[in-house]
Amino acid sequence: MTLKTLGELFDTFEREAFRLETLADYSGSGNVDAYQAFLSGQPQPDDYNEAWVSELRALTDLGKRVYRVHILSRPLTPYLRFELGWGYQKNATGGEEFFILDTTDKPNPLQGAEDFWLFDARTAVVMRYDDRGAVTGRETMPDNRARDFVTVRDTALAHAEPFSDWWEKHAGA
């Protein structure tokens, strides 16, 4: 059996794509110009991230679910202020759902968990990053490992709250 790439999985998933994010800084992974604009106080361009938002709309219009949990603690890093303030807010307009597992005042129930995408609770792709938050690799896991990732997803969701509720309380944090 040939393992599919992340792109192939996005093109072929049937019901849901889940993402676990664990890092406080992904600034080495792209959107560098937008991140610099954010840091310099420029307003978010209307067309920011529009290609991804269009893809999200196409997926969610088909009844597919795209959602993620970000494990974080306050105070937010500059990158997290950018990701949550620009990225999550914009991507939500395409139908992506976001949840926050805030470990500021409590233990992390998923200490040591890796970033991953999980498609249809069947296939996981582990994401690997360097110290700058740049992707260094992606590993598609064999389907017989899916249960491990479903357990992590379910634990993350059980301890997370909807992004909009969290943002309302902590936007300036």
N, C-alpha and C. Protein backbone atom coordinates (compact mmCIF):
# COMPACT_ATOMS: atom_id res chain seq x y z
N MET A 1 0.84 -1.19 0.00
CA MET A 1 0.00 0.00 0.00
C MET A 1 0.88 1.25 0.00
N THR A 2 0.58 2.19 -0.85
CA THR A 2 1.32 3.44 -0.92
C THR A 2 0.68 4.46 0.01
N LEU A 3 1.50 5.09 0.86
CA LEU A 3 0.99 6.12 1.76
C LEU A 3 0.81 7.41 0.99
N LYS A 4 -0.31 8.09 1.22
CA LYS A 4 -0.60 9.33 0.52
C LYS A 4 0.14 10.50 1.16
N THR A 5 0.42 11.50 0.34
CA THR A 5 1.02 12.73 0.84
C THR A 5 -0.05 13.61 1.47
N LEU A 6 0.39 14.65 2.16
CA LEU A 6 -0.54 15.59 2.78
C LEU A 6 -1.47 16.20 1.72
N GLY A 7 -0.92 16.61 0.60
CA GLY A 7 -1.74 17.19 -0.48
C GLY A 7 -2.76 16.21 -1.02
N GLU A 8 -2.36 14.96 -1.21
CA GLU A 8 -3.30 13.94 -1.70
C GLU A 8 -4.41 13.70 -0.68
N LEU A 9 -4.07 13.71 0.60
CA LEU A 9 -5.07 13.50 1.63
C LEU A 9 -6.08 14.65 1.66
N PHE A 10 -5.59 15.88 1.46
CA PHE A 10 -6.52 17.02 1.40
C PHE A 10 -7.44 16.90 0.19
N ASP A 11 -6.94 16.37 -0.89
CA ASP A 11 -7.76 16.23 -2.10
C ASP A 11 -8.77 15.10 -1.99
N THR A 12 -8.53 14.13 -1.10
CA THR A 12 -9.36 12.92 -1.11
C THR A 12 -10.11 12.64 0.19
N PHE A 13 -9.91 13.43 1.25
CA PHE A 13 -10.62 13.09 2.47
C PHE A 13 -12.12 13.26 2.27
N GLU A 14 -12.89 12.47 3.01
CA GLU A 14 -14.33 12.41 2.78
C GLU A 14 -15.15 13.18 3.80
N ARG A 15 -14.73 13.18 5.07
CA ARG A 15 -15.57 13.77 6.12
C ARG A 15 -14.88 14.88 6.90
N GLU A 16 -13.66 14.62 7.38
CA GLU A 16 -13.05 15.60 8.26
C GLU A 16 -11.53 15.59 8.21
N ALA A 17 -10.98 16.78 8.41
CA ALA A 17 -9.54 16.97 8.53
C ALA A 17 -9.31 17.72 9.83
N PHE A 18 -8.56 17.11 10.73
CA PHE A 18 -8.27 17.69 12.03
C PHE A 18 -6.79 18.01 12.13
N ARG A 19 -6.46 19.14 12.77
CA ARG A 19 -5.07 19.56 12.94
C ARG A 19 -4.81 19.82 14.41
N LEU A 20 -3.71 19.29 14.93
CA LEU A 20 -3.23 19.65 16.26
C LEU A 20 -2.00 20.51 16.08
N GLU A 21 -2.03 21.69 16.70
CA GLU A 21 -0.88 22.60 16.69
C GLU A 21 -0.36 22.71 18.11
N THR A 22 0.96 22.62 18.24
CA THR A 22 1.56 22.63 19.58
C THR A 22 2.62 23.71 19.77
N LEU A 23 3.01 24.38 18.71
CA LEU A 23 4.11 25.34 18.79
C LEU A 23 3.63 26.76 19.03
N ALA A 24 4.49 27.56 19.62
CA ALA A 24 4.19 28.97 19.85
C ALA A 24 4.69 29.85 18.70
N ASP A 25 5.42 29.25 17.76
CA ASP A 25 5.97 30.03 16.65
C ASP A 25 6.14 29.14 15.42
N TYR A 26 5.40 29.49 14.38
CA TYR A 26 5.52 28.83 13.08
C TYR A 26 6.02 29.82 12.03
N SER A 27 6.71 30.86 12.46
CA SER A 27 7.07 31.95 11.55
C SER A 27 8.00 31.51 10.43
N GLY A 28 8.68 30.40 10.56
CA GLY A 28 9.54 29.93 9.50
C GLY A 28 8.82 29.13 8.43
N SER A 29 7.52 28.96 8.57
CA SER A 29 6.77 28.08 7.66
C SER A 29 6.03 28.79 6.54
N GLY A 30 6.15 30.07 6.43
CA GLY A 30 5.46 30.77 5.35
C GLY A 30 4.77 32.01 5.86
N ASN A 31 4.09 32.70 4.96
CA ASN A 31 3.41 33.96 5.28
C ASN A 31 4.36 34.98 5.91
N VAL A 32 5.62 34.94 5.52
CA VAL A 32 6.62 35.81 6.12
C VAL A 32 6.28 37.28 5.90
N ASP A 33 5.87 37.63 4.68
CA ASP A 33 5.54 39.04 4.40
C ASP A 33 4.34 39.50 5.23
N ALA A 34 3.34 38.65 5.33
CA ALA A 34 2.16 39.01 6.13
C ALA A 34 2.54 39.15 7.60
N TYR A 35 3.38 38.26 8.09
CA TYR A 35 3.80 38.33 9.49
C TYR A 35 4.56 39.63 9.74
N GLN A 36 5.44 40.00 8.84
CA GLN A 36 6.18 41.26 8.99
C GLN A 36 5.24 42.45 8.94
N ALA A 37 4.24 42.41 8.08
CA ALA A 37 3.24 43.49 8.01
C ALA A 37 2.49 43.58 9.34
N PHE A 38 2.11 42.45 9.89
CA PHE A 38 1.43 42.42 11.18
C PHE A 38 2.31 43.04 12.26
N LEU A 39 3.58 42.62 12.30
CA LEU A 39 4.50 43.13 13.33
C LEU A 39 4.71 44.64 13.22
N SER A 40 4.65 45.15 11.99
CA SER A 40 4.86 46.59 11.81
C SER A 40 3.57 47.40 11.98
N GLY A 41 2.48 46.71 12.33
CA GLY A 41 1.23 47.41 12.62
C GLY A 41 0.36 47.72 11.42
N GLN A 42 0.69 47.15 10.27
CA GLN A 42 -0.14 47.38 9.09
C GLN A 42 -1.47 46.66 9.23
N PRO A 43 -2.52 47.18 8.58
CA PRO A 43 -3.81 46.49 8.63
C PRO A 43 -3.76 45.21 7.79
N GLN A 44 -4.59 44.27 8.15
CA GLN A 44 -4.67 43.02 7.40
C GLN A 44 -5.26 43.29 6.01
N PRO A 45 -4.58 42.85 4.96
CA PRO A 45 -5.13 43.03 3.62
C PRO A 45 -6.43 42.24 3.46
N ASP A 46 -7.36 42.76 2.71
CA ASP A 46 -8.64 42.08 2.48
C ASP A 46 -8.46 40.70 1.87
N ASP A 47 -7.44 40.57 1.02
CA ASP A 47 -7.23 39.30 0.33
C ASP A 47 -6.26 38.37 1.06
N TYR A 48 -5.96 38.68 2.32
CA TYR A 48 -5.03 37.85 3.09
C TYR A 48 -5.53 36.41 3.15
N ASN A 49 -4.67 35.47 2.78
CA ASN A 49 -4.93 34.03 2.88
C ASN A 49 -6.13 33.58 2.04
N GLU A 50 -6.47 34.35 1.02
CA GLU A 50 -7.69 34.08 0.25
C GLU A 50 -7.68 32.73 -0.46
N ALA A 51 -6.52 32.25 -0.90
CA ALA A 51 -6.49 30.95 -1.59
C ALA A 51 -6.90 29.84 -0.62
N TRP A 52 -6.38 29.88 0.60
CA TRP A 52 -6.73 28.86 1.59
C TRP A 52 -8.20 28.99 1.99
N VAL A 53 -8.67 30.22 2.17
CA VAL A 53 -10.07 30.44 2.54
C VAL A 53 -10.99 29.92 1.43
N SER A 54 -10.62 30.12 0.19
CA SER A 54 -11.42 29.58 -0.92
C SER A 54 -11.44 28.06 -0.91
N GLU A 55 -10.29 27.45 -0.63
CA GLU A 55 -10.24 25.99 -0.54
C GLU A 55 -11.10 25.51 0.63
N LEU A 56 -11.02 26.20 1.75
CA LEU A 56 -11.85 25.83 2.90
C LEU A 56 -13.34 25.91 2.55
N ARG A 57 -13.73 27.00 1.88
CA ARG A 57 -15.14 27.15 1.49
C ARG A 57 -15.59 26.00 0.60
N ALA A 58 -14.74 25.64 -0.35
CA ALA A 58 -15.09 24.54 -1.25
C ALA A 58 -15.28 23.24 -0.46
N LEU A 59 -14.42 22.99 0.50
CA LEU A 59 -14.52 21.78 1.31
C LEU A 59 -15.75 21.81 2.21
N THR A 60 -15.93 22.92 2.92
CA THR A 60 -17.05 22.98 3.86
C THR A 60 -18.39 23.05 3.13
N ASP A 61 -18.42 23.63 1.93
CA ASP A 61 -19.66 23.63 1.14
C ASP A 61 -20.08 22.21 0.75
N LEU A 62 -19.11 21.31 0.72
CA LEU A 62 -19.40 19.90 0.42
C LEU A 62 -19.78 19.12 1.69
N GLY A 63 -19.84 19.83 2.82
CA GLY A 63 -20.20 19.19 4.08
C GLY A 63 -19.02 18.59 4.82
N LYS A 64 -17.80 18.88 4.36
CA LYS A 64 -16.61 18.37 5.03
C LYS A 64 -16.24 19.31 6.17
N ARG A 65 -15.67 18.75 7.21
CA ARG A 65 -15.27 19.53 8.39
C ARG A 65 -13.76 19.67 8.42
N VAL A 66 -13.28 20.92 8.63
CA VAL A 66 -11.86 21.20 8.83
C VAL A 66 -11.78 21.92 10.16
N TYR A 67 -11.02 21.37 11.09
CA TYR A 67 -10.97 21.95 12.42
C TYR A 67 -9.63 21.66 13.08
N ARG A 68 -9.31 22.48 14.09
CA ARG A 68 -8.02 22.31 14.75
C ARG A 68 -8.09 22.74 16.20
N VAL A 69 -7.14 22.21 16.96
CA VAL A 69 -6.90 22.63 18.34
C VAL A 69 -5.46 23.11 18.40
N HIS A 70 -5.29 24.29 19.00
CA HIS A 70 -3.94 24.79 19.25
C HIS A 70 -3.70 24.77 20.75
N ILE A 71 -2.65 24.07 21.16
CA ILE A 71 -2.24 24.05 22.56
C ILE A 71 -1.31 25.24 22.75
N LEU A 72 -1.65 26.11 23.71
CA LEU A 72 -0.84 27.30 23.93
C LEU A 72 -0.93 27.75 25.37
N SER A 73 -0.07 28.70 25.71
CA SER A 73 -0.15 29.35 27.02
C SER A 73 0.11 30.83 26.82
N ARG A 74 -0.41 31.61 27.73
CA ARG A 74 -0.24 33.05 27.72
C ARG A 74 0.94 33.43 28.60
N PRO A 75 1.61 34.56 28.32
CA PRO A 75 1.28 35.52 27.27
C PRO A 75 1.59 34.95 25.88
N LEU A 76 0.82 35.40 24.91
CA LEU A 76 0.99 34.94 23.54
C LEU A 76 2.29 35.48 22.96
N THR A 77 2.93 34.66 22.16
CA THR A 77 4.09 35.12 21.41
C THR A 77 3.60 36.06 20.31
N PRO A 78 4.48 36.90 19.77
CA PRO A 78 4.06 37.72 18.64
C PRO A 78 3.48 36.88 17.50
N TYR A 79 4.07 35.71 17.25
CA TYR A 79 3.54 34.88 16.17
C TYR A 79 2.13 34.40 16.48
N LEU A 80 1.86 33.99 17.71
CA LEU A 80 0.51 33.54 18.04
C LEU A 80 -0.50 34.68 17.95
N ARG A 81 -0.10 35.90 18.31
CA ARG A 81 -1.01 37.04 18.13
C ARG A 81 -1.35 37.20 16.65
N PHE A 82 -0.37 37.02 15.79
CA PHE A 82 -0.58 37.07 14.34
C PHE A 82 -1.47 35.91 13.87
N GLU A 83 -1.11 34.69 14.24
CA GLU A 83 -1.85 33.53 13.77
C GLU A 83 -3.31 33.57 14.20
N LEU A 84 -3.54 33.89 15.46
CA LEU A 84 -4.91 33.91 15.97
C LEU A 84 -5.67 35.14 15.48
N GLY A 85 -5.01 36.29 15.50
CA GLY A 85 -5.68 37.54 15.12
C GLY A 85 -5.93 37.68 13.63
N TRP A 86 -4.99 37.25 12.82
CA TRP A 86 -5.16 37.34 11.38
C TRP A 86 -5.61 36.01 10.79
N GLY A 87 -4.86 34.95 11.08
CA GLY A 87 -5.11 33.66 10.44
C GLY A 87 -6.41 33.01 10.84
N TYR A 88 -6.61 32.80 12.14
CA TYR A 88 -7.81 32.10 12.57
C TYR A 88 -9.06 32.91 12.25
N GLN A 89 -8.99 34.21 12.46
CA GLN A 89 -10.15 35.05 12.18
C GLN A 89 -10.53 34.95 10.70
N LYS A 90 -9.54 35.01 9.84
CA LYS A 90 -9.79 34.95 8.39
C LYS A 90 -10.24 33.56 7.94
N ASN A 91 -9.54 32.53 8.41
CA ASN A 91 -9.86 31.17 7.99
C ASN A 91 -11.26 30.75 8.43
N ALA A 92 -11.72 31.28 9.55
CA ALA A 92 -13.07 30.96 10.03
C ALA A 92 -14.13 31.39 9.01
N THR A 93 -13.83 32.43 8.21
CA THR A 93 -14.80 32.87 7.20
C THR A 93 -14.97 31.82 6.11
N GLY A 94 -14.02 30.89 6.00
CA GLY A 94 -14.13 29.78 5.04
C GLY A 94 -14.73 28.53 5.65
N GLY A 95 -15.07 28.60 6.94
CA GLY A 95 -15.72 27.47 7.59
C GLY A 95 -14.82 26.63 8.46
N GLU A 96 -13.53 26.97 8.55
CA GLU A 96 -12.66 26.20 9.44
C GLU A 96 -13.02 26.51 10.89
N GLU A 97 -13.00 25.49 11.74
CA GLU A 97 -13.32 25.64 13.15
C GLU A 97 -12.03 25.58 13.97
N PHE A 98 -11.98 26.40 15.03
CA PHE A 98 -10.79 26.48 15.87
C PHE A 98 -11.14 26.31 17.33
N PHE A 99 -10.24 25.64 18.04
CA PHE A 99 -10.37 25.44 19.48
C PHE A 99 -9.02 25.71 20.12
N ILE A 100 -9.06 26.21 21.35
CA ILE A 100 -7.84 26.53 22.08
C ILE A 100 -7.76 25.69 23.34
N LEU A 101 -6.63 25.03 23.53
CA LEU A 101 -6.34 24.32 24.76
C LEU A 101 -5.29 25.17 25.48
N ASP A 102 -5.76 26.02 26.38
CA ASP A 102 -4.91 26.98 27.08
C ASP A 102 -4.35 26.32 28.33
N THR A 103 -3.02 26.18 28.38
CA THR A 103 -2.36 25.52 29.51
C THR A 103 -1.73 26.53 30.47
N THR A 104 -2.13 27.79 30.38
CA THR A 104 -1.54 28.82 31.22
C THR A 104 -1.66 28.48 32.70
N ASP A 105 -2.84 28.06 33.13
CA ASP A 105 -3.09 27.82 34.55
C ASP A 105 -3.38 26.36 34.87
N LYS A 106 -3.02 25.46 33.96
CA LYS A 106 -3.28 24.04 34.20
C LYS A 106 -2.25 23.20 33.45
N PRO A 107 -2.08 21.97 33.87
CA PRO A 107 -1.13 21.10 33.17
C PRO A 107 -1.60 20.77 31.75
N ASN A 108 -0.65 20.55 30.90
CA ASN A 108 -0.94 20.16 29.52
C ASN A 108 -1.27 18.67 29.49
N PRO A 109 -2.49 18.28 29.15
CA PRO A 109 -2.84 16.87 29.12
C PRO A 109 -2.19 16.12 27.96
N LEU A 110 -1.56 16.85 27.07
CA LEU A 110 -0.92 16.24 25.90
C LEU A 110 0.56 16.60 25.81
N GLN A 111 1.21 16.74 26.95
CA GLN A 111 2.63 17.09 26.97
C GLN A 111 3.41 16.15 26.06
N GLY A 112 4.19 16.72 25.18
CA GLY A 112 5.01 15.92 24.27
C GLY A 112 4.32 15.51 22.98
N ALA A 113 3.05 15.84 22.82
CA ALA A 113 2.34 15.48 21.58
C ALA A 113 2.96 16.25 20.41
N GLU A 114 2.99 15.60 19.26
CA GLU A 114 3.51 16.22 18.05
C GLU A 114 2.38 16.86 17.25
N ASP A 115 2.74 17.82 16.42
CA ASP A 115 1.79 18.40 15.48
C ASP A 115 1.40 17.33 14.46
N PHE A 116 0.13 17.33 14.08
CA PHE A 116 -0.29 16.40 13.04
C PHE A 116 -1.59 16.86 12.41
N TRP A 117 -1.85 16.29 11.23
CA TRP A 117 -3.15 16.33 10.57
C TRP A 117 -3.71 14.92 10.66
N LEU A 118 -5.02 14.80 10.86
CA LEU A 118 -5.69 13.51 10.89
C LEU A 118 -6.88 13.59 9.94
N PHE A 119 -6.93 12.68 8.98
CA PHE A 119 -7.97 12.69 7.96
C PHE A 119 -8.93 11.52 8.16
N ASP A 120 -10.21 11.86 8.30
CA ASP A 120 -11.27 10.86 8.43
C ASP A 120 -11.00 9.86 9.55
N ALA A 121 -10.29 10.29 10.59
CA ALA A 121 -9.95 9.42 11.73
C ALA A 121 -9.26 8.14 11.27
N ARG A 122 -8.57 8.24 10.12
CA ARG A 122 -8.02 7.06 9.47
C ARG A 122 -6.54 7.19 9.15
N THR A 123 -6.13 8.38 8.74
CA THR A 123 -4.74 8.57 8.31
C THR A 123 -4.19 9.85 8.93
N ALA A 124 -3.04 9.72 9.57
CA ALA A 124 -2.38 10.87 10.20
C ALA A 124 -1.09 11.21 9.47
N VAL A 125 -0.80 12.51 9.44
CA VAL A 125 0.46 13.01 8.92
C VAL A 125 1.10 13.82 10.03
N VAL A 126 2.24 13.34 10.54
CA VAL A 126 2.97 14.04 11.59
C VAL A 126 3.80 15.13 10.94
N MET A 127 3.70 16.33 11.51
CA MET A 127 4.43 17.50 11.01
C MET A 127 5.65 17.73 11.91
N ARG A 128 6.80 17.95 11.31
CA ARG A 128 8.02 18.21 12.09
C ARG A 128 8.56 19.59 11.73
N TYR A 129 9.08 20.28 12.75
CA TYR A 129 9.52 21.67 12.61
C TYR A 129 10.89 21.86 13.25
N ASP A 130 11.60 22.88 12.78
CA ASP A 130 12.85 23.26 13.43
C ASP A 130 12.57 24.34 14.47
N ASP A 131 13.64 24.90 15.06
CA ASP A 131 13.49 25.91 16.13
C ASP A 131 12.87 27.21 15.64
N ARG A 132 12.89 27.45 14.33
CA ARG A 132 12.28 28.67 13.77
C ARG A 132 10.84 28.46 13.34
N GLY A 133 10.32 27.26 13.58
CA GLY A 133 8.95 26.98 13.17
C GLY A 133 8.82 26.65 11.70
N ALA A 134 9.92 26.28 11.06
CA ALA A 134 9.88 25.90 9.64
C ALA A 134 9.68 24.39 9.55
N VAL A 135 8.84 23.98 8.62
CA VAL A 135 8.59 22.55 8.41
C VAL A 135 9.89 21.89 7.95
N THR A 136 10.26 20.82 8.64
CA THR A 136 11.44 20.05 8.25
C THR A 136 11.06 18.70 7.69
N GLY A 137 9.80 18.32 7.88
CA GLY A 137 9.37 17.03 7.35
C GLY A 137 7.92 16.75 7.66
N ARG A 138 7.37 15.85 6.87
CA ARG A 138 6.00 15.36 7.06
C ARG A 138 6.07 13.85 6.92
N GLU A 139 5.46 13.15 7.85
CA GLU A 139 5.49 11.70 7.78
C GLU A 139 4.06 11.16 7.83
N THR A 140 3.63 10.56 6.74
CA THR A 140 2.33 9.92 6.71
C THR A 140 2.44 8.60 7.45
N MET A 141 1.60 8.44 8.45
CA MET A 141 1.66 7.27 9.29
C MET A 141 0.80 6.15 8.69
N PRO A 142 1.18 4.91 8.93
CA PRO A 142 0.33 3.81 8.47
C PRO A 142 -1.04 3.89 9.15
N ASP A 143 -2.07 3.47 8.44
CA ASP A 143 -3.44 3.58 8.96
C ASP A 143 -3.62 2.82 10.28
N ASN A 144 -2.82 1.82 10.55
CA ASN A 144 -2.97 1.09 11.81
C ASN A 144 -2.54 1.92 13.03
N ARG A 145 -1.98 3.09 12.79
CA ARG A 145 -1.62 4.02 13.89
C ARG A 145 -2.72 5.05 14.16
N ALA A 146 -3.78 5.05 13.37
CA ALA A 146 -4.82 6.08 13.46
C ALA A 146 -5.43 6.18 14.85
N ARG A 147 -5.66 5.07 15.51
CA ARG A 147 -6.30 5.08 16.84
C ARG A 147 -5.51 5.95 17.81
N ASP A 148 -4.18 5.92 17.75
CA ASP A 148 -3.34 6.76 18.63
C ASP A 148 -3.66 8.24 18.41
N PHE A 149 -3.79 8.64 17.17
CA PHE A 149 -4.05 10.04 16.85
C PHE A 149 -5.49 10.44 17.15
N VAL A 150 -6.41 9.53 17.00
CA VAL A 150 -7.80 9.79 17.38
C VAL A 150 -7.87 10.05 18.89
N THR A 151 -7.14 9.28 19.67
CA THR A 151 -7.11 9.48 21.12
C THR A 151 -6.56 10.85 21.47
N VAL A 152 -5.49 11.27 20.81
CA VAL A 152 -4.92 12.60 21.06
C VAL A 152 -5.92 13.67 20.65
N ARG A 153 -6.55 13.51 19.49
CA ARG A 153 -7.57 14.48 19.05
C ARG A 153 -8.68 14.60 20.08
N ASP A 154 -9.20 13.47 20.51
CA ASP A 154 -10.32 13.49 21.46
C ASP A 154 -9.93 14.11 22.79
N THR A 155 -8.72 13.85 23.25
CA THR A 155 -8.22 14.46 24.49
C THR A 155 -8.10 15.97 24.32
N ALA A 156 -7.54 16.39 23.19
CA ALA A 156 -7.39 17.83 22.92
C ALA A 156 -8.75 18.52 22.92
N LEU A 157 -9.71 17.94 22.23
CA LEU A 157 -11.04 18.55 22.16
C LEU A 157 -11.73 18.57 23.51
N ALA A 158 -11.52 17.54 24.32
CA ALA A 158 -12.15 17.48 25.64
C ALA A 158 -11.63 18.57 26.58
N HIS A 159 -10.41 19.05 26.34
CA HIS A 159 -9.80 20.06 27.21
C HIS A 159 -9.78 21.45 26.59
N ALA A 160 -10.27 21.58 25.38
CA ALA A 160 -10.21 22.86 24.65
C ALA A 160 -11.55 23.57 24.71
N GLU A 161 -11.50 24.84 24.36
CA GLU A 161 -12.73 25.62 24.25
C GLU A 161 -12.78 26.26 22.87
N PRO A 162 -13.98 26.57 22.40
CA PRO A 162 -14.07 27.21 21.08
C PRO A 162 -13.23 28.50 21.04
N PHE A 163 -12.56 28.68 19.92
CA PHE A 163 -11.69 29.84 19.77
C PHE A 163 -12.41 31.15 20.05
N SER A 164 -13.62 31.31 19.52
CA SER A 164 -14.33 32.59 19.70
C SER A 164 -14.55 32.90 21.17
N ASP A 165 -14.88 31.90 21.98
CA ASP A 165 -15.04 32.13 23.42
C ASP A 165 -13.72 32.50 24.07
N TRP A 166 -12.66 31.76 23.71
CA TRP A 166 -11.34 32.02 24.28
C TRP A 166 -10.85 33.41 23.86
N TRP A 167 -11.02 33.76 22.59
CA TRP A 167 -10.54 35.03 22.05
C TRP A 167 -11.23 36.19 22.73
N GLU A 168 -12.52 36.05 22.99
CA GLU A 168 -13.28 37.11 23.66
C GLU A 168 -12.69 37.42 25.04
N LYS A 169 -12.20 36.40 25.72
CA LYS A 169 -11.62 36.57 27.06
C LYS A 169 -10.16 37.01 27.02
N HIS A 170 -9.40 36.58 26.00
CA HIS A 170 -7.95 36.72 26.05
C HIS A 170 -7.31 37.40 24.85
N ALA A 171 -8.06 38.09 24.03
CA ALA A 171 -7.52 38.67 22.79
C ALA A 171 -6.29 39.54 23.04
N GLY A 172 -6.25 40.21 24.14
CA GLY A 172 -5.10 41.08 24.42
C GLY A 172 -3.99 40.39 25.19
N ALA A 173 -4.16 39.10 25.47
CA ALA A 173 -3.19 38.40 26.33
C ALA A 173 -1.90 38.10 25.61
